[in-house]
């Protein structure tokens, strides 16, 4: 476990470069407020013009409890995290399961151990590549959701990456060119947005531990804005080439009100040979 803790910290260090500087103060007229003028994060969730919940805003996955982080990373590691304390599933997507409940195929298990033994040097973000889906939604940097009819755009602060979720009724492509973030189509089930994602390139990581996935992976995400400042998220990963069974986890996103993303790019010239 000690080796894995080291490369989790490598992942956090890469992912939290801009976290300390992101706090811009620009009050939004769309933010409901308490009597003292502070954002009212438990006010009713906003609705779009079509009556659907409006998921727009800047979001960040809630951190794991401090006690859990100490147990997972060790007391000394907490001094390195600052504001960028990670969500539980950023660290380990299989954190809810016993080892015998979800088993890696032999080839995937070998890759997983290799990533641990090399201290996570091939984490995508160390090569100026996006962390991938679903890891980016529980990462230690914020993202902005912009909802419009037929399309939801997600802008990730880390390396100025974007994602498009089509809600116009189209189907997933049948033979897509593999993509680091896959291809996303969504539909509404009541007040829940259900997103199906496929067409992945196979070099992605599911978490900072380095759990791998194949190009056959299918991801189902569910999002529900329960009030103005909180969003429930559920992820199911189905990858029969890598895991013995599908597995799921749940998390919460919190709204960052009255602020915005900042520009963040990978500018280390040593990484140039790794760009694809």
Protein backbone atom coordinates (compact mmCIF):
# COMPACT_ATOMS: atom_id res chain seq x y z
CA UNK A 1 0.00 0.00 0.00
CA UNK A 2 2.89 2.39 0.63
CA UNK A 3 3.86 2.43 -3.06
CA UNK A 4 0.32 3.19 -4.10
CA UNK A 5 0.08 6.06 -1.63
CA UNK A 6 3.12 7.66 -3.29
CA UNK A 7 1.64 7.68 -6.75
CA UNK A 8 -1.72 8.87 -5.50
CA UNK A 9 0.18 11.90 -4.23
CA UNK A 10 1.81 12.27 -7.65
CA UNK A 11 -1.65 12.38 -9.19
CA UNK A 12 -2.82 14.96 -6.67
CA UNK A 13 0.20 17.14 -7.24
CA UNK A 14 -0.41 17.17 -11.00
CA UNK A 15 -4.14 17.73 -10.68
CA UNK A 16 -4.02 20.52 -8.13
CA UNK A 17 -1.67 22.99 -9.77
CA UNK A 18 -4.37 25.63 -10.32
CA UNK A 19 -6.57 24.81 -7.34
CA UNK A 20 -4.90 27.32 -5.04
CA UNK A 21 -5.48 30.21 -7.43
CA UNK A 22 -8.97 29.56 -8.69
CA UNK A 23 -10.98 31.71 -6.22
CA UNK A 24 -12.29 34.67 -8.19
CA UNK A 25 -14.94 36.84 -6.61
CA UNK A 26 -17.70 37.83 -9.02
CA UNK A 27 -21.22 37.69 -7.51
CA UNK A 28 -23.73 36.27 -9.97
CA UNK A 29 -27.27 37.68 -10.17
CA UNK A 30 -28.52 34.10 -10.68
CA UNK A 31 -27.25 32.97 -7.27
CA UNK A 32 -29.96 32.88 -4.58
CA UNK A 33 -28.84 34.45 -1.32
CA UNK A 34 -29.57 34.36 2.37
CA UNK A 35 -30.47 37.50 4.29
CA UNK A 36 -26.80 38.21 4.96
CA UNK A 37 -26.00 38.09 1.23
CA UNK A 38 -24.22 34.74 1.20
CA UNK A 39 -25.03 32.16 -1.51
CA UNK A 40 -27.95 29.97 -0.47
CA UNK A 41 -26.73 26.55 -1.52
CA UNK A 42 -29.83 24.76 -0.22
CA UNK A 43 -32.26 26.84 -2.26
CA UNK A 44 -34.33 25.07 -4.91
CA UNK A 45 -32.48 23.76 -7.95
CA UNK A 46 -32.92 26.02 -10.99
CA UNK A 47 -34.90 24.93 -14.04
CA UNK A 48 -34.13 25.44 -17.70
CA UNK A 49 -36.63 26.97 -20.11
CA UNK A 50 -37.86 23.47 -21.06
CA UNK A 51 -38.65 22.65 -17.43
CA UNK A 52 -35.70 20.29 -17.00
CA UNK A 53 -33.30 20.78 -14.10
CA UNK A 54 -30.53 23.18 -15.09
CA UNK A 55 -27.17 21.64 -14.22
CA UNK A 56 -25.23 24.74 -15.24
CA UNK A 57 -22.57 26.00 -12.85
CA UNK A 58 -19.05 25.38 -11.64
CA UNK A 59 -18.72 22.13 -9.72
CA UNK A 60 -16.18 20.22 -7.68
CA UNK A 61 -16.48 16.72 -6.24
CA UNK A 62 -16.78 16.68 -2.46
CA UNK A 63 -13.66 15.56 -0.64
CA UNK A 64 -13.51 12.31 1.26
CA UNK A 65 -13.78 12.75 5.06
CA UNK A 66 -10.47 13.76 6.61
CA UNK A 67 -10.36 10.59 8.71
CA UNK A 68 -10.66 8.50 5.55
CA UNK A 69 -7.91 10.45 3.81
CA UNK A 70 -5.58 9.98 6.78
CA UNK A 71 -6.34 6.27 6.83
CA UNK A 72 -5.79 6.02 3.09
CA UNK A 73 -2.77 8.28 2.58
CA UNK A 74 -1.25 8.57 6.04
CA UNK A 75 -1.10 11.58 8.42
CA UNK A 76 1.98 13.17 6.83
CA UNK A 77 0.33 13.28 3.39
CA UNK A 78 -2.39 15.62 4.62
CA UNK A 79 0.11 18.47 4.83
CA UNK A 80 0.63 18.24 1.05
CA UNK A 81 -3.01 18.40 0.02
CA UNK A 82 -4.08 21.90 1.09
CA UNK A 83 -7.42 22.79 -0.51
CA UNK A 84 -7.14 19.99 -3.06
CA UNK A 85 -8.32 17.13 -0.88
CA UNK A 86 -9.51 14.36 -3.20
CA UNK A 87 -12.83 12.59 -3.46
CA UNK A 88 -12.81 8.96 -2.41
CA UNK A 89 -13.26 7.58 -5.91
CA UNK A 90 -10.58 9.79 -7.36
CA UNK A 91 -8.21 7.69 -5.28
CA UNK A 92 -9.82 4.29 -5.80
CA UNK A 93 -12.80 3.56 -8.05
CA UNK A 94 -13.15 0.16 -6.38
CA UNK A 95 -13.08 1.57 -2.87
CA UNK A 96 -16.47 0.07 -1.98
CA UNK A 97 -15.55 -3.47 -2.99
CA UNK A 98 -13.53 -6.30 -1.53
CA UNK A 99 -10.75 -7.63 -3.80
CA UNK A 100 -12.63 -10.83 -4.52
CA UNK A 101 -15.83 -9.02 -5.52
CA UNK A 102 -14.47 -7.35 -8.68
CA UNK A 103 -11.53 -9.22 -10.22
CA UNK A 104 -9.22 -7.92 -12.94
CA UNK A 105 -8.41 -10.12 -15.90
CA UNK A 106 -4.79 -11.38 -15.87
CA UNK A 107 -3.59 -8.85 -18.45
CA UNK A 108 -5.33 -5.96 -16.69
CA UNK A 109 -3.97 -7.09 -13.34
CA UNK A 110 -0.44 -7.08 -14.72
CA UNK A 111 -0.89 -3.54 -16.07
CA UNK A 112 -2.31 -2.39 -12.75
CA UNK A 113 0.70 -3.72 -10.86
CA UNK A 114 3.08 -2.19 -13.40
CA UNK A 115 1.55 1.24 -12.87
CA UNK A 116 2.03 0.85 -9.15
CA UNK A 117 5.63 -0.28 -9.46
CA UNK A 118 6.54 2.73 -11.64
CA UNK A 119 5.01 5.22 -9.18
CA UNK A 120 2.32 6.31 -11.62
CA UNK A 121 4.73 7.89 -14.10
CA UNK A 122 2.29 7.13 -16.92
CA UNK A 123 -0.66 8.94 -15.35
CA UNK A 124 -2.17 10.72 -18.39
CA UNK A 125 -1.88 14.21 -16.90
CA UNK A 126 1.89 13.80 -16.45
CA UNK A 127 2.03 13.60 -20.24
CA UNK A 128 -0.26 16.60 -20.80
CA UNK A 129 -3.22 14.36 -21.56
CA UNK A 130 -6.67 14.53 -19.91
CA UNK A 131 -7.35 12.17 -17.03
CA UNK A 132 -10.35 10.74 -18.85
CA UNK A 133 -13.94 9.83 -18.02
CA UNK A 134 -15.19 9.19 -15.36
CA UNK A 135 -12.07 10.19 -13.38
CA UNK A 136 -12.29 13.86 -14.41
CA UNK A 137 -15.67 14.28 -12.73
CA UNK A 138 -14.23 13.37 -9.30
CA UNK A 139 -10.83 15.04 -9.78
CA UNK A 140 -9.35 17.78 -7.64
CA UNK A 141 -9.95 20.57 -10.16
CA UNK A 142 -13.31 22.24 -10.92
CA UNK A 143 -15.37 22.01 -14.07
CA UNK A 144 -18.08 24.17 -15.59
CA UNK A 145 -21.33 22.74 -16.96
CA UNK A 146 -23.11 24.77 -19.63
CA UNK A 147 -26.56 23.40 -20.46
CA UNK A 148 -28.41 24.24 -23.64
CA UNK A 149 -31.19 22.52 -25.62
CA UNK A 150 -29.74 19.44 -27.28
CA UNK A 151 -26.23 19.78 -25.85
CA UNK A 152 -24.50 19.97 -22.49
CA UNK A 153 -20.89 21.17 -22.55
CA UNK A 154 -18.47 20.46 -19.72
CA UNK A 155 -15.35 22.64 -19.46
CA UNK A 156 -12.60 21.24 -17.24
CA UNK A 157 -10.14 23.69 -15.72
CA UNK A 158 -7.31 21.18 -15.94
CA UNK A 159 -5.54 21.72 -19.26
CA UNK A 160 -8.59 23.56 -20.69
CA UNK A 161 -10.28 20.30 -21.71
CA UNK A 162 -13.89 20.16 -22.92
CA UNK A 163 -16.53 17.46 -23.25
CA UNK A 164 -19.83 17.40 -25.17
CA UNK A 165 -22.89 15.46 -24.03
CA UNK A 166 -25.52 15.37 -26.78
CA UNK A 167 -29.13 15.33 -25.61
CA UNK A 168 -30.70 15.72 -29.05
CA UNK A 169 -31.72 12.07 -29.38
CA UNK A 170 -28.74 10.83 -31.35
CA UNK A 171 -27.29 7.37 -30.70
CA UNK A 172 -23.72 6.51 -29.80
CA UNK A 173 -21.53 6.03 -32.90
CA UNK A 174 -21.22 2.40 -33.98
CA UNK A 175 -17.56 2.35 -35.01
CA UNK A 176 -16.02 5.48 -33.47
CA UNK A 177 -12.42 6.57 -33.66
CA UNK A 178 -11.17 5.86 -30.10
CA UNK A 179 -11.16 9.01 -27.99
CA UNK A 180 -9.62 9.78 -24.61
CA UNK A 181 -12.96 11.06 -23.28
CA UNK A 182 -15.13 8.74 -25.35
CA UNK A 183 -18.43 9.86 -26.89
CA UNK A 184 -21.37 10.91 -24.72
CA UNK A 185 -25.12 10.95 -25.32
CA UNK A 186 -27.66 11.81 -22.64
CA UNK A 187 -31.35 11.59 -21.92
CA UNK A 188 -33.60 12.70 -19.09
CA UNK A 189 -35.33 10.26 -16.77
CA UNK A 190 -37.47 12.53 -14.65
CA UNK A 191 -35.05 14.94 -12.96
CA UNK A 192 -32.03 12.72 -13.59
CA UNK A 193 -29.69 13.16 -16.53
CA UNK A 194 -28.51 9.72 -17.72
CA UNK A 195 -25.35 9.74 -19.85
CA UNK A 196 -24.02 6.78 -21.82
CA UNK A 197 -20.36 6.93 -22.83
CA UNK A 198 -18.41 4.62 -25.16
CA UNK A 199 -15.67 4.71 -27.79
CA UNK A 200 -12.73 5.07 -25.42
CA UNK A 201 -9.05 4.83 -26.17
CA UNK A 202 -7.58 2.19 -23.88
CA UNK A 203 -4.79 4.15 -22.15
CA UNK A 204 -7.01 5.85 -19.59
CA UNK A 205 -6.97 5.43 -15.82
CA UNK A 206 -10.10 4.99 -13.72
CA UNK A 207 -8.43 6.44 -10.60
CA UNK A 208 -5.13 7.62 -9.17
CA UNK A 209 -4.38 4.03 -8.14
CA UNK A 210 -4.10 3.20 -11.84
CA UNK A 211 -7.03 0.82 -12.37
CA UNK A 212 -7.06 0.36 -16.16
CA UNK A 213 -9.83 0.02 -18.71
CA UNK A 214 -10.05 -1.26 -22.27
CA UNK A 215 -11.53 0.25 -25.42
CA UNK A 216 -14.62 -1.90 -24.77
CA UNK A 217 -15.53 0.03 -21.62
CA UNK A 218 -19.03 1.44 -21.35
CA UNK A 219 -19.79 4.06 -18.71
CA UNK A 220 -23.23 5.07 -17.50
CA UNK A 221 -23.44 8.30 -15.50
CA UNK A 222 -26.46 9.67 -13.66
CA UNK A 223 -26.68 13.24 -12.36
CA UNK A 224 -29.34 14.88 -10.20
CA UNK A 225 -29.18 18.47 -8.96
CA UNK A 226 -30.88 18.04 -5.61
CA UNK A 227 -30.75 21.74 -4.72
CA UNK A 228 -28.91 24.86 -5.85
CA UNK A 229 -25.54 23.86 -4.44
CA UNK A 230 -25.41 20.05 -4.54
CA UNK A 231 -25.49 17.44 -7.28
CA UNK A 232 -25.74 13.67 -6.81
CA UNK A 233 -23.67 11.56 -9.17
CA UNK A 234 -23.69 7.84 -9.90
CA UNK A 235 -21.25 5.97 -12.16
CA UNK A 236 -21.44 2.41 -13.48
CA UNK A 237 -18.45 0.92 -15.32
CA UNK A 238 -18.94 -2.12 -17.54
CA UNK A 239 -15.74 -3.43 -19.11
CA UNK A 240 -15.79 -7.22 -19.57
CA UNK A 241 -12.28 -7.23 -21.08
CA UNK A 242 -10.87 -5.83 -17.84
CA UNK A 243 -13.21 -6.66 -14.94
CA UNK A 244 -15.19 -9.74 -13.94
CA UNK A 245 -18.38 -7.74 -13.45
CA UNK A 246 -19.74 -4.19 -13.74
CA UNK A 247 -19.27 -1.98 -10.68
CA UNK A 248 -20.66 1.34 -9.50
CA UNK A 249 -20.02 4.19 -7.09
CA UNK A 250 -21.85 7.30 -5.94
CA UNK A 251 -20.51 10.76 -5.14
CA UNK A 252 -21.62 14.33 -4.55
CA UNK A 253 -20.59 17.48 -6.36
CA UNK A 254 -20.77 20.87 -4.66
CA UNK A 255 -21.31 24.15 -6.46
CA UNK A 256 -18.60 26.82 -6.41
CA UNK A 257 -20.73 29.99 -6.53
CA UNK A 258 -19.74 33.48 -7.65
CA UNK A 259 -16.46 32.39 -9.26
CA UNK A 260 -15.12 31.11 -12.56
CA UNK A 261 -12.53 28.82 -14.08
CA UNK A 262 -9.05 30.09 -14.75
CA UNK A 263 -6.78 29.33 -17.66
CA UNK A 264 -4.72 26.21 -17.04
CA UNK A 265 -2.48 24.55 -19.60
CA UNK A 266 0.29 21.97 -19.58
CA UNK A 267 3.35 24.05 -20.50
CA UNK A 268 6.21 21.78 -19.47
CA UNK A 269 8.26 21.46 -22.64
CA UNK A 270 9.66 18.15 -21.41
CA UNK A 271 6.22 16.67 -22.02
CA UNK A 272 6.11 17.67 -25.70
CA UNK A 273 7.32 14.26 -26.99
CA UNK A 274 4.42 12.60 -25.18
CA UNK A 275 1.67 14.65 -26.83
CA UNK A 276 -0.46 12.73 -29.32
